[in-house]
Amino acid sequence: FLDTTGSGLGDLRGIISKIPYIKSLGVDALWL
């Protein structure tokens, strides 16, 4: 999804940072 640490692997902080974007789509829940 999104790497915020430079590891080359996505992480939870990346998901948290994109909650405004995800909410803007109109969805109601995330499944990880």
Full PDB file with SEQRES, HELIX, SHEET, SSBOND, CRYST1, ORIGX, SCALE, CONECT and MASTER records, all heavy atoms in Angstrom:
SEQRES   1 A   32  PHE LEU ASP THR THR GLY SER GLY LEU GLY ASP LEU ARG          
SEQRES   2 A   32  GLY ILE ILE SER LYS ILE PRO TYR ILE LYS SER LEU GLY          
SEQRES   3 A   32  VAL ASP ALA LEU TRP LEU                                      
HELIX    1 AA1 LEU A   12  SER A   17  1                                   6    
HELIX    2 AA2 ILE A   19  LEU A   25  1                                   7    
CRYST1    1.000    1.000    1.000  90.00  90.00  90.00 P 1           1          
ORIGX1      1.000000  0.000000  0.000000        0.00000                         
ORIGX2      0.000000  1.000000  0.000000        0.00000                         
ORIGX3      0.000000  0.000000  1.000000        0.00000                         
SCALE1      1.000000  0.000000  0.000000        0.00000                         
SCALE2      0.000000  1.000000  0.000000        0.00000                         
SCALE3      0.000000  0.000000  1.000000        0.00000                         
ATOM      1  N   PHE A   1       0.819  -1.217   0.000  1.00  0.00           N  
ATOM      2  CA  PHE A   1       0.000   0.000   0.000  1.00  0.00           C  
ATOM      3  C   PHE A   1       0.853   1.267   0.000  1.00  0.00           C  
ATOM      4  O   PHE A   1       0.819   2.046  -0.943  1.00  0.00           O  
ATOM      5  CB  PHE A   1      -0.970  -0.021   1.177  1.00  0.00           C  
ATOM      6  CG  PHE A   1      -2.091   0.982   1.042  1.00  0.00           C  
ATOM      7  CD1 PHE A   1      -3.004   0.864   0.001  1.00  0.00           C  
ATOM      8  CD2 PHE A   1      -2.237   2.016   1.940  1.00  0.00           C  
ATOM      9  CE1 PHE A   1      -4.046   1.776  -0.143  1.00  0.00           C  
ATOM     10  CE2 PHE A   1      -3.270   2.929   1.816  1.00  0.00           C  
ATOM     11  CZ  PHE A   1      -4.171   2.822   0.777  1.00  0.00           C  
ATOM     12  N   LEU A   2       1.641   1.491   1.035  1.00  0.00           N  
ATOM     13  CA  LEU A   2       2.513   2.668   1.082  1.00  0.00           C  
ATOM     14  C   LEU A   2       3.621   2.448   2.100  1.00  0.00           C  
ATOM     15  O   LEU A   2       3.362   2.114   3.254  1.00  0.00           O  
ATOM     16  CB  LEU A   2       1.707   3.923   1.458  1.00  0.00           C  
ATOM     17  CG  LEU A   2       2.506   5.228   1.496  1.00  0.00           C  
ATOM     18  CD1 LEU A   2       3.068   5.568   0.108  1.00  0.00           C  
ATOM     19  CD2 LEU A   2       1.657   6.379   2.024  1.00  0.00           C  
ATOM     20  N   ASP A   3       4.849   2.653   1.656  1.00  0.00           N  
ATOM     21  CA  ASP A   3       6.039   2.513   2.508  1.00  0.00           C  
ATOM     22  C   ASP A   3       6.430   3.885   3.046  1.00  0.00           C  
ATOM     23  O   ASP A   3       6.715   4.807   2.278  1.00  0.00           O  
ATOM     24  CB  ASP A   3       7.170   1.912   1.667  1.00  0.00           C  
ATOM     25  CG  ASP A   3       8.519   1.938   2.380  1.00  0.00           C  
ATOM     26  OD1 ASP A   3       8.533   2.014   3.627  1.00  0.00           O  
ATOM     27  OD2 ASP A   3       9.550   1.886   1.683  1.00  0.00           O  
ATOM     28  N   THR A   4       6.449   4.029   4.376  1.00  0.00           N  
ATOM     29  CA  THR A   4       6.848   5.301   4.984  1.00  0.00           C  
ATOM     30  C   THR A   4       8.218   5.225   5.652  1.00  0.00           C  
ATOM     31  O   THR A   4       8.695   6.222   6.190  1.00  0.00           O  
ATOM     32  CB  THR A   4       5.818   5.762   6.042  1.00  0.00           C  
ATOM     33  OG1 THR A   4       5.775   4.800   7.109  1.00  0.00           O  
ATOM     34  CG2 THR A   4       4.439   5.923   5.429  1.00  0.00           C  
ATOM     35  N   THR A   5       8.864   4.050   5.619  1.00  0.00           N  
ATOM     36  CA  THR A   5      10.131   3.878   6.324  1.00  0.00           C  
ATOM     37  C   THR A   5      11.320   3.695   5.386  1.00  0.00           C  
ATOM     38  O   THR A   5      12.455   3.659   5.854  1.00  0.00           O  
ATOM     39  CB  THR A   5      10.060   2.655   7.256  1.00  0.00           C  
ATOM     40  OG1 THR A   5       9.896   1.462   6.472  1.00  0.00           O  
ATOM     41  CG2 THR A   5       8.903   2.777   8.235  1.00  0.00           C  
ATOM     42  N   GLY A   6      11.069   3.556   4.101  1.00  0.00           N  
ATOM     43  CA  GLY A   6      12.155   3.332   3.155  1.00  0.00           C  
ATOM     44  C   GLY A   6      12.631   1.905   3.100  1.00  0.00           C  
ATOM     45  O   GLY A   6      13.701   1.620   2.562  1.00  0.00           O  
ATOM     46  N   SER A   7      11.826   0.991   3.627  1.00  0.00           N  
ATOM     47  CA  SER A   7      12.203  -0.430   3.647  1.00  0.00           C  
ATOM     48  C   SER A   7      11.900  -1.124   2.324  1.00  0.00           C  
ATOM     49  O   SER A   7      12.373  -2.236   2.082  1.00  0.00           O  
ATOM     50  CB  SER A   7      11.465  -1.154   4.771  1.00  0.00           C  
ATOM     51  OG  SER A   7      10.067  -1.201   4.497  1.00  0.00           O  
ATOM     52  N   GLY A   8      11.090  -0.501   1.492  1.00  0.00           N  
ATOM     53  CA  GLY A   8      10.629  -1.145   0.270  1.00  0.00           C  
ATOM     54  C   GLY A   8       9.356  -1.941   0.472  1.00  0.00           C  
ATOM     55  O   GLY A   8       8.826  -2.534  -0.471  1.00  0.00           O  
ATOM     56  N   LEU A   9       8.857  -1.952   1.709  1.00  0.00           N  
ATOM     57  CA  LEU A   9       7.665  -2.707   2.092  1.00  0.00           C  
ATOM     58  C   LEU A   9       6.659  -1.738   2.702  1.00  0.00           C  
ATOM     59  O   LEU A   9       7.021  -0.867   3.503  1.00  0.00           O  
ATOM     60  CB  LEU A   9       8.055  -3.771   3.119  1.00  0.00           C  
ATOM     61  CG  LEU A   9       7.124  -4.952   3.365  1.00  0.00           C  
ATOM     62  CD1 LEU A   9       7.113  -5.886   2.159  1.00  0.00           C  
ATOM     63  CD2 LEU A   9       7.579  -5.730   4.603  1.00  0.00           C  
ATOM     64  N   GLY A  10       5.385  -1.884   2.340  1.00  0.00           N  
ATOM     65  CA  GLY A  10       4.361  -1.041   2.924  1.00  0.00           C  
ATOM     66  C   GLY A  10       4.244  -1.245   4.424  1.00  0.00           C  
ATOM     67  O   GLY A  10       4.751  -2.220   4.982  1.00  0.00           O  
ATOM     68  N   ASP A  11       3.579  -0.316   5.114  1.00  0.00           N  
ATOM     69  CA  ASP A  11       3.498  -0.392   6.572  1.00  0.00           C  
ATOM     70  C   ASP A  11       2.224   0.261   7.087  1.00  0.00           C  
ATOM     71  O   ASP A  11       1.483   0.897   6.333  1.00  0.00           O  
ATOM     72  CB  ASP A  11       4.730   0.261   7.208  1.00  0.00           C  
ATOM     73  CG  ASP A  11       5.013   1.653   6.661  1.00  0.00           C  
ATOM     74  OD1 ASP A  11       4.162   2.552   6.838  1.00  0.00           O  
ATOM     75  OD2 ASP A  11       6.081   1.844   6.037  1.00  0.00           O  
ATOM     76  N   LEU A  12       1.979   0.087   8.370  1.00  0.00           N  
ATOM     77  CA  LEU A  12       0.752   0.583   8.986  1.00  0.00           C  
ATOM     78  C   LEU A  12       0.676   2.105   9.011  1.00  0.00           C  
ATOM     79  O   LEU A  12      -0.402   2.683   8.848  1.00  0.00           O  
ATOM     80  CB  LEU A  12       0.623   0.027  10.409  1.00  0.00           C  
ATOM     81  CG  LEU A  12       0.312  -1.479  10.485  1.00  0.00           C  
ATOM     82  CD1 LEU A  12       0.569  -2.010  11.886  1.00  0.00           C  
ATOM     83  CD2 LEU A  12      -1.124  -1.763  10.058  1.00  0.00           C  
ATOM     84  N   ARG A  13       1.824   2.776   9.202  1.00  0.00           N  
ATOM     85  CA  ARG A  13       1.799   4.238   9.193  1.00  0.00           C  
ATOM     86  C   ARG A  13       1.388   4.754   7.815  1.00  0.00           C  
ATOM     87  O   ARG A  13       0.722   5.788   7.690  1.00  0.00           O  
ATOM     88  CB  ARG A  13       3.163   4.816   9.570  1.00  0.00           C  
ATOM     89  CG  ARG A  13       3.734   4.412  10.913  1.00  0.00           C  
ATOM     90  CD  ARG A  13       2.787   4.540  12.075  1.00  0.00           C  
ATOM     91  NE  ARG A  13       2.153   5.840  12.234  1.00  0.00           N  
ATOM     92  CZ  ARG A  13       1.256   6.124  13.180  1.00  0.00           C  
ATOM     93  NH1 ARG A  13       0.905   5.196  14.056  1.00  0.00           N  
ATOM     94  NH2 ARG A  13       0.727   7.318  13.252  1.00  0.00           N  
ATOM     95  N   GLY A  14       1.770   4.019   6.774  1.00  0.00           N  
ATOM     96  CA  GLY A  14       1.344   4.400   5.439  1.00  0.00           C  
ATOM     97  C   GLY A  14      -0.160   4.310   5.281  1.00  0.00           C  
ATOM     98  O   GLY A  14      -0.795   5.191   4.673  1.00  0.00           O  
ATOM     99  N   ILE A  15      -0.750   3.252   5.835  1.00  0.00           N  
ATOM    100  CA  ILE A  15      -2.208   3.109   5.775  1.00  0.00           C  
ATOM    101  C   ILE A  15      -2.888   4.235   6.547  1.00  0.00           C  
ATOM    102  O   ILE A  15      -3.838   4.867   6.054  1.00  0.00           O  
ATOM    103  CB  ILE A  15      -2.632   1.736   6.327  1.00  0.00           C  
ATOM    104  CG1 ILE A  15      -2.065   0.616   5.441  1.00  0.00           C  
ATOM    105  CG2 ILE A  15      -4.158   1.631   6.400  1.00  0.00           C  
ATOM    106  CD1 ILE A  15      -2.204  -0.770   6.036  1.00  0.00           C  
ATOM    107  N   ILE A  16      -2.390   4.508   7.752  1.00  0.00           N  
ATOM    108  CA  ILE A  16      -2.983   5.567   8.576  1.00  0.00           C  
ATOM    109  C   ILE A  16      -2.929   6.912   7.850  1.00  0.00           C  
ATOM    110  O   ILE A  16      -3.898   7.680   7.868  1.00  0.00           O  
ATOM    111  CB  ILE A  16      -2.267   5.639   9.938  1.00  0.00           C  
ATOM    112  CG1 ILE A  16      -2.545   4.365  10.750  1.00  0.00           C  
ATOM    113  CG2 ILE A  16      -2.702   6.878  10.722  1.00  0.00           C  
ATOM    114  CD1 ILE A  16      -1.663   4.209  11.984  1.00  0.00           C  
ATOM    115  N   SER A  17      -1.803   7.175   7.177  1.00  0.00           N  
ATOM    116  CA  SER A  17      -1.652   8.463   6.494  1.00  0.00           C  
ATOM    117  C   SER A  17      -2.629   8.640   5.340  1.00  0.00           C  
ATOM    118  O   SER A  17      -2.914   9.770   4.931  1.00  0.00           O  
ATOM    119  CB  SER A  17      -0.216   8.613   5.976  1.00  0.00           C  
ATOM    120  OG  SER A  17       0.024   7.793   4.841  1.00  0.00           O  
ATOM    121  N   LYS A  18      -3.145   7.533   4.823  1.00  0.00           N  
ATOM    122  CA  LYS A  18      -4.049   7.604   3.671  1.00  0.00           C  
ATOM    123  C   LYS A  18      -5.520   7.446   4.048  1.00  0.00           C  
ATOM    124  O   LYS A  18      -6.370   7.336   3.162  1.00  0.00           O  
ATOM    125  CB  LYS A  18      -3.665   6.531   2.652  1.00  0.00           C  
ATOM    126  CG  LYS A  18      -2.326   6.787   1.966  1.00  0.00           C  
ATOM    127  CD  LYS A  18      -2.344   8.078   1.131  1.00  0.00           C  
ATOM    128  CE  LYS A  18      -1.039   8.279   0.383  1.00  0.00           C  
ATOM    129  NZ  LYS A  18      -1.061   9.528  -0.432  1.00  0.00           N  
ATOM    130  N   ILE A  19      -5.849   7.467   5.326  1.00  0.00           N  
ATOM    131  CA  ILE A  19      -7.258   7.362   5.717  1.00  0.00           C  
ATOM    132  C   ILE A  19      -8.103   8.484   5.115  1.00  0.00           C  
ATOM    133  O   ILE A  19      -9.217   8.225   4.637  1.00  0.00           O  
ATOM    134  CB  ILE A  19      -7.398   7.286   7.252  1.00  0.00           C  
ATOM    135  CG1 ILE A  19      -6.902   5.920   7.738  1.00  0.00           C  
ATOM    136  CG2 ILE A  19      -8.853   7.500   7.679  1.00  0.00           C  
ATOM    137  CD1 ILE A  19      -6.914   5.748   9.242  1.00  0.00           C  
ATOM    138  N   PRO A  20      -7.625   9.745   5.075  1.00  0.00           N  
ATOM    139  CA  PRO A  20      -8.447  10.772   4.421  1.00  0.00           C  
ATOM    140  C   PRO A  20      -8.750  10.440   2.954  1.00  0.00           C  
ATOM    141  O   PRO A  20      -9.869  10.665   2.485  1.00  0.00           O  
ATOM    142  CB  PRO A  20      -7.589  12.038   4.536  1.00  0.00           C  
ATOM    143  CG  PRO A  20      -6.757  11.801   5.765  1.00  0.00           C  
ATOM    144  CD  PRO A  20      -6.439  10.338   5.738  1.00  0.00           C  
ATOM    145  N   TYR A  21      -7.751   9.897   2.241  1.00  0.00           N  
ATOM    146  CA  TYR A  21      -7.982   9.499   0.847  1.00  0.00           C  
ATOM    147  C   TYR A  21      -9.015   8.376   0.772  1.00  0.00           C  
ATOM    148  O   TYR A  21      -9.959   8.431  -0.032  1.00  0.00           O  
ATOM    149  CB  TYR A  21      -6.673   9.054   0.193  1.00  0.00           C  
ATOM    150  CG  TYR A  21      -6.887   8.244  -1.068  1.00  0.00           C  
ATOM    151  CD1 TYR A  21      -7.340   8.863  -2.232  1.00  0.00           C  
ATOM    152  CD2 TYR A  21      -6.704   6.863  -1.086  1.00  0.00           C  
ATOM    153  CE1 TYR A  21      -7.583   8.134  -3.383  1.00  0.00           C  
ATOM    154  CE2 TYR A  21      -6.942   6.117  -2.232  1.00  0.00           C  
ATOM    155  CZ  TYR A  21      -7.383   6.755  -3.380  1.00  0.00           C  
ATOM    156  OH  TYR A  21      -7.631   6.028  -4.518  1.00  0.00           O  
ATOM    157  N   ILE A  22      -8.838   7.352   1.601  1.00  0.00           N  
ATOM    158  CA  ILE A  22      -9.748   6.200   1.557  1.00  0.00           C  
ATOM    159  C   ILE A  22     -11.171   6.645   1.898  1.00  0.00           C  
ATOM    160  O   ILE A  22     -12.139   6.245   1.245  1.00  0.00           O  
ATOM    161  CB  ILE A  22      -9.259   5.103   2.524  1.00  0.00           C  
ATOM    162  CG1 ILE A  22      -7.863   4.601   2.113  1.00  0.00           C  
ATOM    163  CG2 ILE A  22     -10.238   3.942   2.558  1.00  0.00           C  
ATOM    164  CD1 ILE A  22      -7.162   3.782   3.176  1.00  0.00           C  
ATOM    165  N   LYS A  23     -11.292   7.503   2.905  1.00  0.00           N  
ATOM    166  CA  LYS A  23     -12.615   8.004   3.296  1.00  0.00           C  
ATOM    167  C   LYS A  23     -13.250   8.789   2.149  1.00  0.00           C  
ATOM    168  O   LYS A  23     -14.468   8.723   1.941  1.00  0.00           O  
ATOM    169  CB  LYS A  23     -12.500   8.882   4.540  1.00  0.00           C  
ATOM    170  CG  LYS A  23     -13.845   9.390   5.072  1.00  0.00           C  
ATOM    171  CD  LYS A  23     -13.671  10.179   6.346  1.00  0.00           C  
ATOM    172  CE  LYS A  23     -15.006  10.777   6.823  1.00  0.00           C  
ATOM    173  NZ  LYS A  23     -15.982   9.730   7.184  1.00  0.00           N  
ATOM    174  N   SER A  24     -12.425   9.499   1.384  1.00  0.00           N  
ATOM    175  CA  SER A  24     -12.960  10.321   0.294  1.00  0.00           C  
ATOM    176  C   SER A  24     -13.630   9.480  -0.790  1.00  0.00           C  
ATOM    177  O   SER A  24     -14.458   9.985  -1.545  1.00  0.00           O  
ATOM    178  CB  SER A  24     -11.847  11.171  -0.333  1.00  0.00           C  
ATOM    179  OG  SER A  24     -10.998  10.392  -1.183  1.00  0.00           O  
ATOM    180  N   LEU A  25     -13.268   8.216  -0.870  1.00  0.00           N  
ATOM    181  CA  LEU A  25     -13.897   7.334  -1.848  1.00  0.00           C  
ATOM    182  C   LEU A  25     -15.338   7.012  -1.476  1.00  0.00           C  
ATOM    183  O   LEU A  25     -16.143   6.648  -2.334  1.00  0.00           O  
ATOM    184  CB  LEU A  25     -13.114   6.019  -1.966  1.00  0.00           C  
ATOM    185  CG  LEU A  25     -11.657   6.121  -2.430  1.00  0.00           C  
ATOM    186  CD1 LEU A  25     -10.985   4.750  -2.349  1.00  0.00           C  
ATOM    187  CD2 LEU A  25     -11.569   6.686  -3.839  1.00  0.00           C  
ATOM    188  N   GLY A  26     -15.643   7.096  -0.186  1.00  0.00           N  
ATOM    189  CA  GLY A  26     -16.979   6.767   0.299  1.00  0.00           C  
ATOM    190  C   GLY A  26     -17.082   5.392   0.923  1.00  0.00           C  
ATOM    191  O   GLY A  26     -18.177   4.962   1.296  1.00  0.00           O  
ATOM    192  N   VAL A  27     -15.941   4.682   1.052  1.00  0.00           N  
ATOM    193  CA  VAL A  27     -15.996   3.344   1.640  1.00  0.00           C  
ATOM    194  C   VAL A  27     -16.180   3.445   3.156  1.00  0.00           C  
ATOM    195  O   VAL A  27     -15.925   4.483   3.763  1.00  0.00           O  
ATOM    196  CB  VAL A  27     -14.740   2.512   1.297  1.00  0.00           C  
ATOM    197  CG1 VAL A  27     -14.577   2.395  -0.207  1.00  0.00           C  
ATOM    198  CG2 VAL A  27     -13.492   3.097   1.938  1.00  0.00           C  
ATOM    199  N   ASP A  28     -16.591   2.331   3.756  1.00  0.00           N  
ATOM    200  CA  ASP A  28     -16.988   2.341   5.161  1.00  0.00           C  
ATOM    201  C   ASP A  28     -16.069   1.552   6.083  1.00  0.00           C  
ATOM    202  O   ASP A  28     -16.142   1.694   7.296  1.00  0.00           O  
ATOM    203  CB  ASP A  28     -18.405   1.771   5.283  1.00  0.00           C  
ATOM    204  CG  ASP A  28     -19.383   2.534   4.406  1.00  0.00           C  
ATOM    205  OD1 ASP A  28     -19.789   3.637   4.804  1.00  0.00           O  
ATOM    206  OD2 ASP A  28     -19.720   2.036   3.316  1.00  0.00           O  
ATOM    207  N   ALA A  29     -15.251   0.676   5.508  1.00  0.00           N  
ATOM    208  CA  ALA A  29     -14.395  -0.170   6.344  1.00  0.00           C  
ATOM    209  C   ALA A  29     -13.188  -0.619   5.539  1.00  0.00           C  
ATOM    210  O   ALA A  29     -13.223  -0.684   4.300  1.00  0.00           O  
ATOM    211  CB  ALA A  29     -15.170  -1.388   6.855  1.00  0.00           C  
ATOM    212  N   LEU A  30     -12.121  -0.951   6.265  1.00  0.00           N  
ATOM    213  CA  LEU A  30     -10.924  -1.533   5.671  1.00  0.00           C  
ATOM    214  C   LEU A  30     -10.822  -2.990   6.074  1.00  0.00           C  
ATOM    215  O   LEU A  30     -11.160  -3.356   7.200  1.00  0.00           O  
ATOM    216  CB  LEU A  30      -9.648  -0.829   6.162  1.00  0.00           C  
ATOM    217  CG  LEU A  30      -9.511   0.664   5.967  1.00  0.00           C  
ATOM    218  CD1 LEU A  30      -8.108   1.109   6.365  1.00  0.00           C  
ATOM    219  CD2 LEU A  30      -9.808   1.067   4.542  1.00  0.00           C  
ATOM    220  N   TRP A  31     -10.338  -3.794   5.148  1.00  0.00           N  
ATOM    221  CA  TRP A  31      -9.932  -5.169   5.453  1.00  0.00           C  
ATOM    222  C   TRP A  31      -8.449  -5.257   5.130  1.00  0.00           C  
ATOM    223  O   TRP A  31      -8.037  -5.005   4.009  1.00  0.00           O  
ATOM    224  CB  TRP A  31     -10.757  -6.169   4.651  1.00  0.00           C  
ATOM    225  CG  TRP A  31     -10.107  -7.499   4.398  1.00  0.00           C  
ATOM    226  CD1 TRP A  31      -9.205  -8.155   5.195  1.00  0.00           C  
ATOM    227  CD2 TRP A  31     -10.304  -8.351   3.256  1.00  0.00           C  
ATOM    228  NE1 TRP A  31      -8.831  -9.354   4.615  1.00  0.00           N  
ATOM    229  CE2 TRP A  31      -9.485  -9.488   3.430  1.00  0.00           C  
ATOM    230  CE3 TRP A  31     -11.093  -8.256   2.115  1.00  0.00           C  
ATOM    231  CZ2 TRP A  31      -9.443 -10.531   2.491  1.00  0.00           C  
ATOM    232  CZ3 TRP A  31     -11.050  -9.286   1.186  1.00  0.00           C  
ATOM    233  CH2 TRP A  31     -10.226 -10.414   1.381  1.00  0.00           C  
ATOM    234  N   LEU A  32      -7.651  -5.597   6.142  1.00  0.00           N  
ATOM    235  CA  LEU A  32      -6.215  -5.752   5.954  1.00  0.00           C  
ATOM    236  C   LEU A  32      -5.869  -7.223   5.793  1.00  0.00           C  
ATOM    237  O   LEU A  32      -6.234  -8.052   6.624  1.00  0.00           O  
ATOM    238  CB  LEU A  32      -5.433  -5.211   7.152  1.00  0.00           C  
ATOM    239  CG  LEU A  32      -5.612  -3.742   7.540  1.00  0.00           C  
ATOM    240  CD1 LEU A  32      -4.578  -3.372   8.593  1.00  0.00           C  
ATOM    241  CD2 LEU A  32      -5.521  -2.830   6.337  1.00  0.00           C  
TER     242      LEU A  32                                                      
MASTER        0    0    0    2    0    0    0    6  241    1    0    3          
END                                                                             
